[in-house]
Amino acid sequence: MADTVLYEVSEGLATITLNRPEAMNAMNVAAKVALRDAAETAAADPAVRAVLLTAAGDRAFCVGQDLKEHVGLLLADQESGTSQTMNTVRDHYNPIVKALTGMRKPVVAAVNGVAAGAGFGFALAADYRIVSETAAFNTSFAGVALTADSGMSWTLPRLIGQSRASDLLLFPRSISAQEAYELGIVNRLVPAADLAAEAVKVARTLAEGPTVAYAALKESLAYGADHSLAEALEKEDELQTLAGASEDHTIAVRAFIAKEKPRYLGR
């Protein structure tokens, strides 16, 4: 992986770290390619049972597109009569979000500072968001005459409702971590000094948990968001059958009867 994104796997937990703190972890082309590759690698690796998405520095999680690089690419497109720059949504942002949301393992985002534009979208693509009390969120897109990407048109209204999502997208503003928590964007709000340790604790707990069940929960929540109750019930039946056949389910039941803590295998 490129130095713009760090990737490490330890005891079933893959940690992906956005690593451009001098640029508030803005996404240049190199960072987008590296994040896409890291997310896809974690998704495909059977040894990885949970993912922690975090960022270097203490100012920002990710402020989205690197506009300094972006404007240069736009000018080059104008000079050449092409439109390659905006292919970044198809080539980078979409695969990143698909990998995070679609991987059959839980993803935790540790938001240490500003999350704006695509950075906000990446945080929303995670299954669980642990956020520093000093963090802030901003949709940003309309502020630079762009529409939503990085999945935000899908994730944000499902978390906070259509009306509130429209407000934040049409009138971009910085919202505090506390307001984001009250809106339902944040799962857990912690002091800045505790963020790193708390995020690792939560992510490692998930990495040690029943991976098949987590994958089924993740799939059923996504499915239920845009299907009827009857269809959701059918999906629950299908996924519960799969989870019930897992080794982890047998381990859990035996441990419950024995009044012991289960030691899951992730299969």
Protein backbone atom coordinates (compact mmCIF):
# COMPACT_ATOMS: atom_id res chain seq x y z
CA MET A 1 0.00 0.00 0.00
CA ALA A 2 1.10 3.57 -0.62
CA ASP A 3 2.25 5.69 2.30
CA THR A 4 -0.88 7.84 1.92
CA VAL A 5 -2.81 4.95 3.50
CA LEU A 6 -1.40 2.49 6.02
CA TYR A 7 -2.66 -1.09 6.27
CA GLU A 8 -2.01 -3.57 9.08
CA VAL A 9 -3.60 -6.85 10.16
CA SER A 10 -3.26 -8.16 13.70
CA GLU A 11 -5.26 -10.97 15.33
CA GLY A 12 -8.14 -10.73 12.90
CA LEU A 13 -8.37 -6.93 12.91
CA ALA A 14 -7.37 -4.93 9.84
CA THR A 15 -6.52 -1.31 10.59
CA ILE A 16 -6.70 1.12 7.67
CA THR A 17 -5.19 4.51 8.47
CA LEU A 18 -5.59 7.58 6.26
CA ASN A 19 -2.12 9.04 6.38
CA ARG A 20 -1.94 12.57 4.99
CA PRO A 21 -2.24 14.56 8.23
CA GLU A 22 -0.38 17.54 6.72
CA ALA A 23 -3.27 17.85 4.22
CA MET A 24 -6.02 17.00 6.75
CA ASN A 25 -6.13 13.57 5.11
CA ALA A 26 -7.53 15.01 1.88
CA MET A 27 -7.93 12.45 -0.87
CA ASN A 28 -5.50 12.87 -3.73
CA VAL A 29 -5.39 10.24 -6.46
CA ALA A 30 -2.70 8.21 -4.68
CA ALA A 31 -4.71 8.15 -1.44
CA LYS A 32 -7.92 7.14 -3.23
CA VAL A 33 -6.20 4.27 -5.01
CA ALA A 34 -4.54 3.13 -1.78
CA LEU A 35 -7.76 3.30 0.25
CA ARG A 36 -9.67 1.42 -2.44
CA ASP A 37 -7.01 -1.30 -2.54
CA ALA A 38 -6.84 -1.54 1.26
CA ALA A 39 -10.62 -1.84 1.65
CA GLU A 40 -10.85 -4.47 -1.09
CA THR A 41 -7.93 -6.41 0.39
CA ALA A 42 -9.56 -6.45 3.83
CA ALA A 43 -12.88 -7.52 2.33
CA ALA A 44 -11.30 -10.47 0.50
CA ASP A 45 -8.99 -11.68 3.29
CA PRO A 46 -10.59 -14.53 5.31
CA ALA A 47 -8.14 -13.85 8.13
CA VAL A 48 -9.68 -10.40 8.63
CA ARG A 49 -12.77 -10.51 10.85
CA ALA A 50 -13.25 -6.76 11.45
CA VAL A 51 -11.90 -3.49 10.07
CA LEU A 52 -10.96 -0.27 11.83
CA LEU A 53 -10.90 2.81 9.60
CA THR A 54 -8.97 5.61 11.26
CA ALA A 55 -6.79 8.61 10.42
CA ALA A 56 -3.44 10.10 11.35
CA GLY A 57 -3.18 13.45 13.10
CA ASP A 58 -5.57 15.22 15.43
CA ARG A 59 -7.21 17.80 13.13
CA ALA A 60 -9.11 15.75 10.60
CA PHE A 61 -10.45 12.33 9.81
CA CYS A 62 -10.71 13.25 6.13
CA VAL A 63 -11.77 16.51 4.46
CA GLY A 64 -12.70 14.77 1.21
CA GLN A 65 -11.30 15.55 -2.21
CA ASP A 66 -7.88 17.21 -2.37
CA LEU A 67 -9.05 20.39 -4.12
CA LYS A 68 -5.50 21.60 -4.83
CA GLU A 69 -4.84 18.53 -6.96
CA HIS A 70 -8.40 18.53 -8.27
CA VAL A 71 -8.30 22.01 -9.78
CA GLY A 72 -5.11 21.18 -11.64
CA LEU A 73 -6.71 18.06 -13.09
CA LEU A 74 -9.81 20.03 -14.10
CA LEU A 75 -7.69 22.60 -15.94
CA ALA A 76 -5.81 19.83 -17.71
CA ASP A 77 -9.14 18.34 -18.80
CA GLN A 78 -10.25 21.70 -20.17
CA GLU A 79 -7.04 22.09 -22.13
CA SER A 80 -7.28 18.59 -23.59
CA GLY A 81 -11.03 18.65 -24.15
CA THR A 82 -11.56 15.57 -21.97
CA SER A 83 -13.45 14.91 -18.73
CA GLN A 84 -11.29 12.33 -17.01
CA THR A 85 -11.16 14.03 -13.61
CA MET A 86 -14.72 13.23 -12.57
CA ASN A 87 -14.19 9.56 -13.35
CA THR A 88 -12.84 9.44 -9.80
CA VAL A 89 -16.36 8.74 -8.52
CA ARG A 90 -16.64 5.59 -10.64
CA ASP A 91 -12.99 4.56 -10.33
CA HIS A 92 -12.34 5.36 -6.67
CA TYR A 93 -15.17 6.55 -4.43
CA ASN A 94 -17.75 3.99 -5.54
CA PRO A 95 -15.42 0.97 -5.13
CA ILE A 96 -14.30 2.25 -1.70
CA VAL A 97 -17.85 2.59 -0.41
CA LYS A 98 -18.93 -0.72 -1.96
CA ALA A 99 -16.02 -2.49 -0.26
CA LEU A 100 -16.76 -0.95 3.14
CA THR A 101 -20.50 -1.52 3.05
CA GLY A 102 -20.43 -4.85 1.24
CA MET A 103 -17.67 -6.72 3.07
CA ARG A 104 -18.98 -9.58 5.18
CA LYS A 105 -17.40 -8.29 8.35
CA PRO A 106 -18.02 -5.23 10.54
CA VAL A 107 -16.31 -1.90 9.86
CA VAL A 108 -15.66 0.63 12.64
CA ALA A 109 -14.80 4.24 11.83
CA ALA A 110 -12.83 6.22 14.42
CA VAL A 111 -13.48 9.88 13.59
CA ASN A 112 -10.82 12.00 15.23
CA GLY A 113 -11.53 15.41 13.67
CA VAL A 114 -13.22 17.01 10.68
CA ALA A 115 -15.04 14.61 8.34
CA ALA A 116 -16.17 16.49 5.25
CA GLY A 117 -17.38 15.56 1.78
CA ALA A 118 -16.14 12.09 0.87
CA GLY A 119 -14.58 11.81 4.33
CA PHE A 120 -18.06 12.15 5.81
CA GLY A 121 -19.23 9.56 3.28
CA PHE A 122 -16.53 7.08 4.31
CA ALA A 123 -17.54 7.43 7.96
CA LEU A 124 -21.19 6.81 7.03
CA ALA A 125 -20.18 3.71 5.07
CA ALA A 126 -18.88 2.11 8.27
CA ASP A 127 -21.17 -0.03 10.40
CA TYR A 128 -20.24 1.73 13.64
CA ARG A 129 -18.89 5.23 14.26
CA ILE A 130 -16.86 6.15 17.34
CA VAL A 131 -16.29 9.90 17.35
CA SER A 132 -14.13 12.32 19.29
CA GLU A 133 -15.99 15.09 21.09
CA THR A 134 -13.83 17.55 19.14
CA ALA A 135 -14.81 16.17 15.72
CA ALA A 136 -17.13 17.87 13.23
CA PHE A 137 -19.01 16.90 10.07
CA ASN A 138 -19.82 18.78 6.87
CA THR A 139 -21.41 17.51 3.65
CA SER A 140 -19.44 20.17 1.71
CA PHE A 141 -20.50 19.13 -1.80
CA ALA A 142 -22.88 21.97 -2.66
CA GLY A 143 -20.30 24.43 -1.32
CA VAL A 144 -18.07 23.59 -4.29
CA ALA A 145 -20.95 23.20 -6.77
CA LEU A 146 -21.03 19.41 -6.67
CA THR A 147 -23.65 16.81 -5.80
CA ALA A 148 -23.31 14.04 -3.23
CA ASP A 149 -20.99 11.10 -3.80
CA SER A 150 -19.25 8.46 -1.67
CA GLY A 151 -22.66 6.94 -1.00
CA MET A 152 -24.00 9.89 0.97
CA SER A 153 -27.24 10.18 -1.00
CA TRP A 154 -28.05 6.67 0.28
CA THR A 155 -26.50 6.52 3.74
CA LEU A 156 -27.31 9.96 5.17
CA PRO A 157 -31.13 9.95 4.69
CA ARG A 158 -31.31 6.42 6.07
CA LEU A 159 -29.63 7.59 9.26
CA ILE A 160 -31.33 10.95 9.83
CA GLY A 161 -34.30 11.07 7.44
CA GLN A 162 -34.90 12.72 4.07
CA SER A 163 -35.71 16.19 5.41
CA ARG A 164 -32.64 16.56 7.61
CA ALA A 165 -30.40 15.06 4.93
CA SER A 166 -31.73 17.57 2.40
CA ASP A 167 -31.00 20.41 4.82
CA LEU A 168 -27.40 19.32 5.40
CA LEU A 169 -26.76 18.69 1.70
CA LEU A 170 -28.41 21.86 0.32
CA PHE A 171 -26.99 24.12 3.03
CA PRO A 172 -23.58 22.71 4.00
CA ARG A 173 -22.45 23.69 7.47
CA SER A 174 -20.20 22.31 10.13
CA ILE A 175 -22.08 20.26 12.70
CA SER A 176 -20.46 19.41 15.99
CA ALA A 177 -19.87 15.89 17.21
CA GLN A 178 -22.59 16.43 19.82
CA GLU A 179 -25.15 17.50 17.22
CA ALA A 180 -24.16 14.57 15.02
CA TYR A 181 -24.72 12.27 17.98
CA GLU A 182 -28.15 13.76 18.62
CA LEU A 183 -29.05 13.36 14.93
CA GLY A 184 -28.11 9.68 15.02
CA ILE A 185 -24.97 9.91 12.87
CA VAL A 186 -22.65 8.95 15.74
CA ASN A 187 -22.90 5.66 17.63
CA ARG A 188 -20.50 6.48 20.44
CA LEU A 189 -19.09 9.85 21.52
CA VAL A 190 -15.87 9.86 23.55
CA PRO A 191 -13.27 12.37 24.79
CA ALA A 192 -10.52 12.99 22.23
CA ALA A 193 -7.89 11.44 24.52
CA ASP A 194 -9.89 8.19 24.70
CA LEU A 195 -10.75 7.79 21.01
CA ALA A 196 -7.87 5.59 19.86
CA ALA A 197 -8.09 3.14 22.75
CA GLU A 198 -11.89 2.95 22.65
CA ALA A 199 -11.95 2.41 18.89
CA VAL A 200 -9.41 -0.42 19.08
CA LYS A 201 -11.34 -1.99 21.97
CA VAL A 202 -14.62 -1.96 20.05
CA ALA A 203 -13.06 -3.14 16.78
CA ARG A 204 -11.15 -5.94 18.47
CA THR A 205 -14.28 -7.07 20.29
CA LEU A 206 -16.00 -7.38 16.91
CA ALA A 207 -12.97 -9.17 15.45
CA GLU A 208 -13.32 -11.78 18.21
CA GLY A 209 -17.06 -12.14 17.71
CA PRO A 210 -19.34 -14.35 15.56
CA THR A 211 -18.30 -13.18 12.10
CA VAL A 212 -21.00 -15.10 10.20
CA ALA A 213 -23.71 -13.57 12.38
CA TYR A 214 -22.26 -10.08 11.94
CA ALA A 215 -22.21 -10.55 8.16
CA ALA A 216 -25.84 -11.65 8.24
CA LEU A 217 -26.85 -8.69 10.40
CA LYS A 218 -25.08 -6.32 8.05
CA GLU A 219 -26.79 -7.83 5.01
CA SER A 220 -30.23 -7.90 6.61
CA LEU A 221 -30.05 -4.24 7.65
CA ALA A 222 -29.08 -3.16 4.15
CA TYR A 223 -31.76 -5.36 2.61
CA GLY A 224 -34.49 -4.20 4.97
CA ALA A 225 -33.79 -0.55 4.16
CA ASP A 226 -35.43 -0.77 0.74
CA HIS A 227 -37.60 -3.90 0.77
CA SER A 228 -41.06 -4.68 2.11
CA LEU A 229 -41.68 -6.34 5.46
CA ALA A 230 -42.65 -9.58 3.72
CA GLU A 231 -39.41 -9.55 1.74
CA ALA A 232 -37.39 -8.70 4.86
CA LEU A 233 -38.94 -11.64 6.71
CA GLU A 234 -37.95 -13.96 3.87
CA LYS A 235 -34.40 -12.59 4.00
CA GLU A 236 -34.27 -13.06 7.78
CA ASP A 237 -35.28 -16.68 7.33
CA GLU A 238 -32.56 -17.21 4.73
CA LEU A 239 -29.85 -15.55 6.79
CA GLN A 240 -30.86 -17.11 10.09
CA THR A 241 -30.58 -20.53 8.48
CA LEU A 242 -27.02 -19.70 7.44
CA ALA A 243 -26.09 -18.28 10.85
CA GLY A 244 -27.65 -21.25 12.61
CA ALA A 245 -25.46 -23.63 10.61
CA SER A 246 -22.26 -21.84 11.60
CA GLU A 247 -19.73 -23.30 14.01
CA ASP A 248 -19.96 -20.13 16.05
CA HIS A 249 -23.66 -20.70 16.77
CA THR A 250 -22.94 -24.15 18.19
CA ILE A 251 -20.06 -22.71 20.22
CA ALA A 252 -22.34 -19.96 21.57
CA VAL A 253 -25.11 -22.34 22.61
CA ARG A 254 -22.72 -24.74 24.30
CA ALA A 255 -21.02 -21.87 26.14
CA PHE A 256 -24.39 -20.51 27.25
CA ILE A 257 -25.42 -23.85 28.69
CA ALA A 258 -22.04 -24.26 30.39
CA LYS A 259 -22.19 -20.66 31.63
CA GLU A 260 -18.86 -19.93 29.94
CA LYS A 261 -17.67 -17.16 27.68
CA PRO A 262 -17.73 -18.33 24.04
CA ARG A 263 -14.51 -18.33 22.02
CA TYR A 264 -15.64 -17.79 18.47
CA LEU A 265 -13.80 -19.06 15.39
CA GLY A 266 -15.37 -16.68 12.91
CA ARG A 267 -16.99 -19.43 10.85
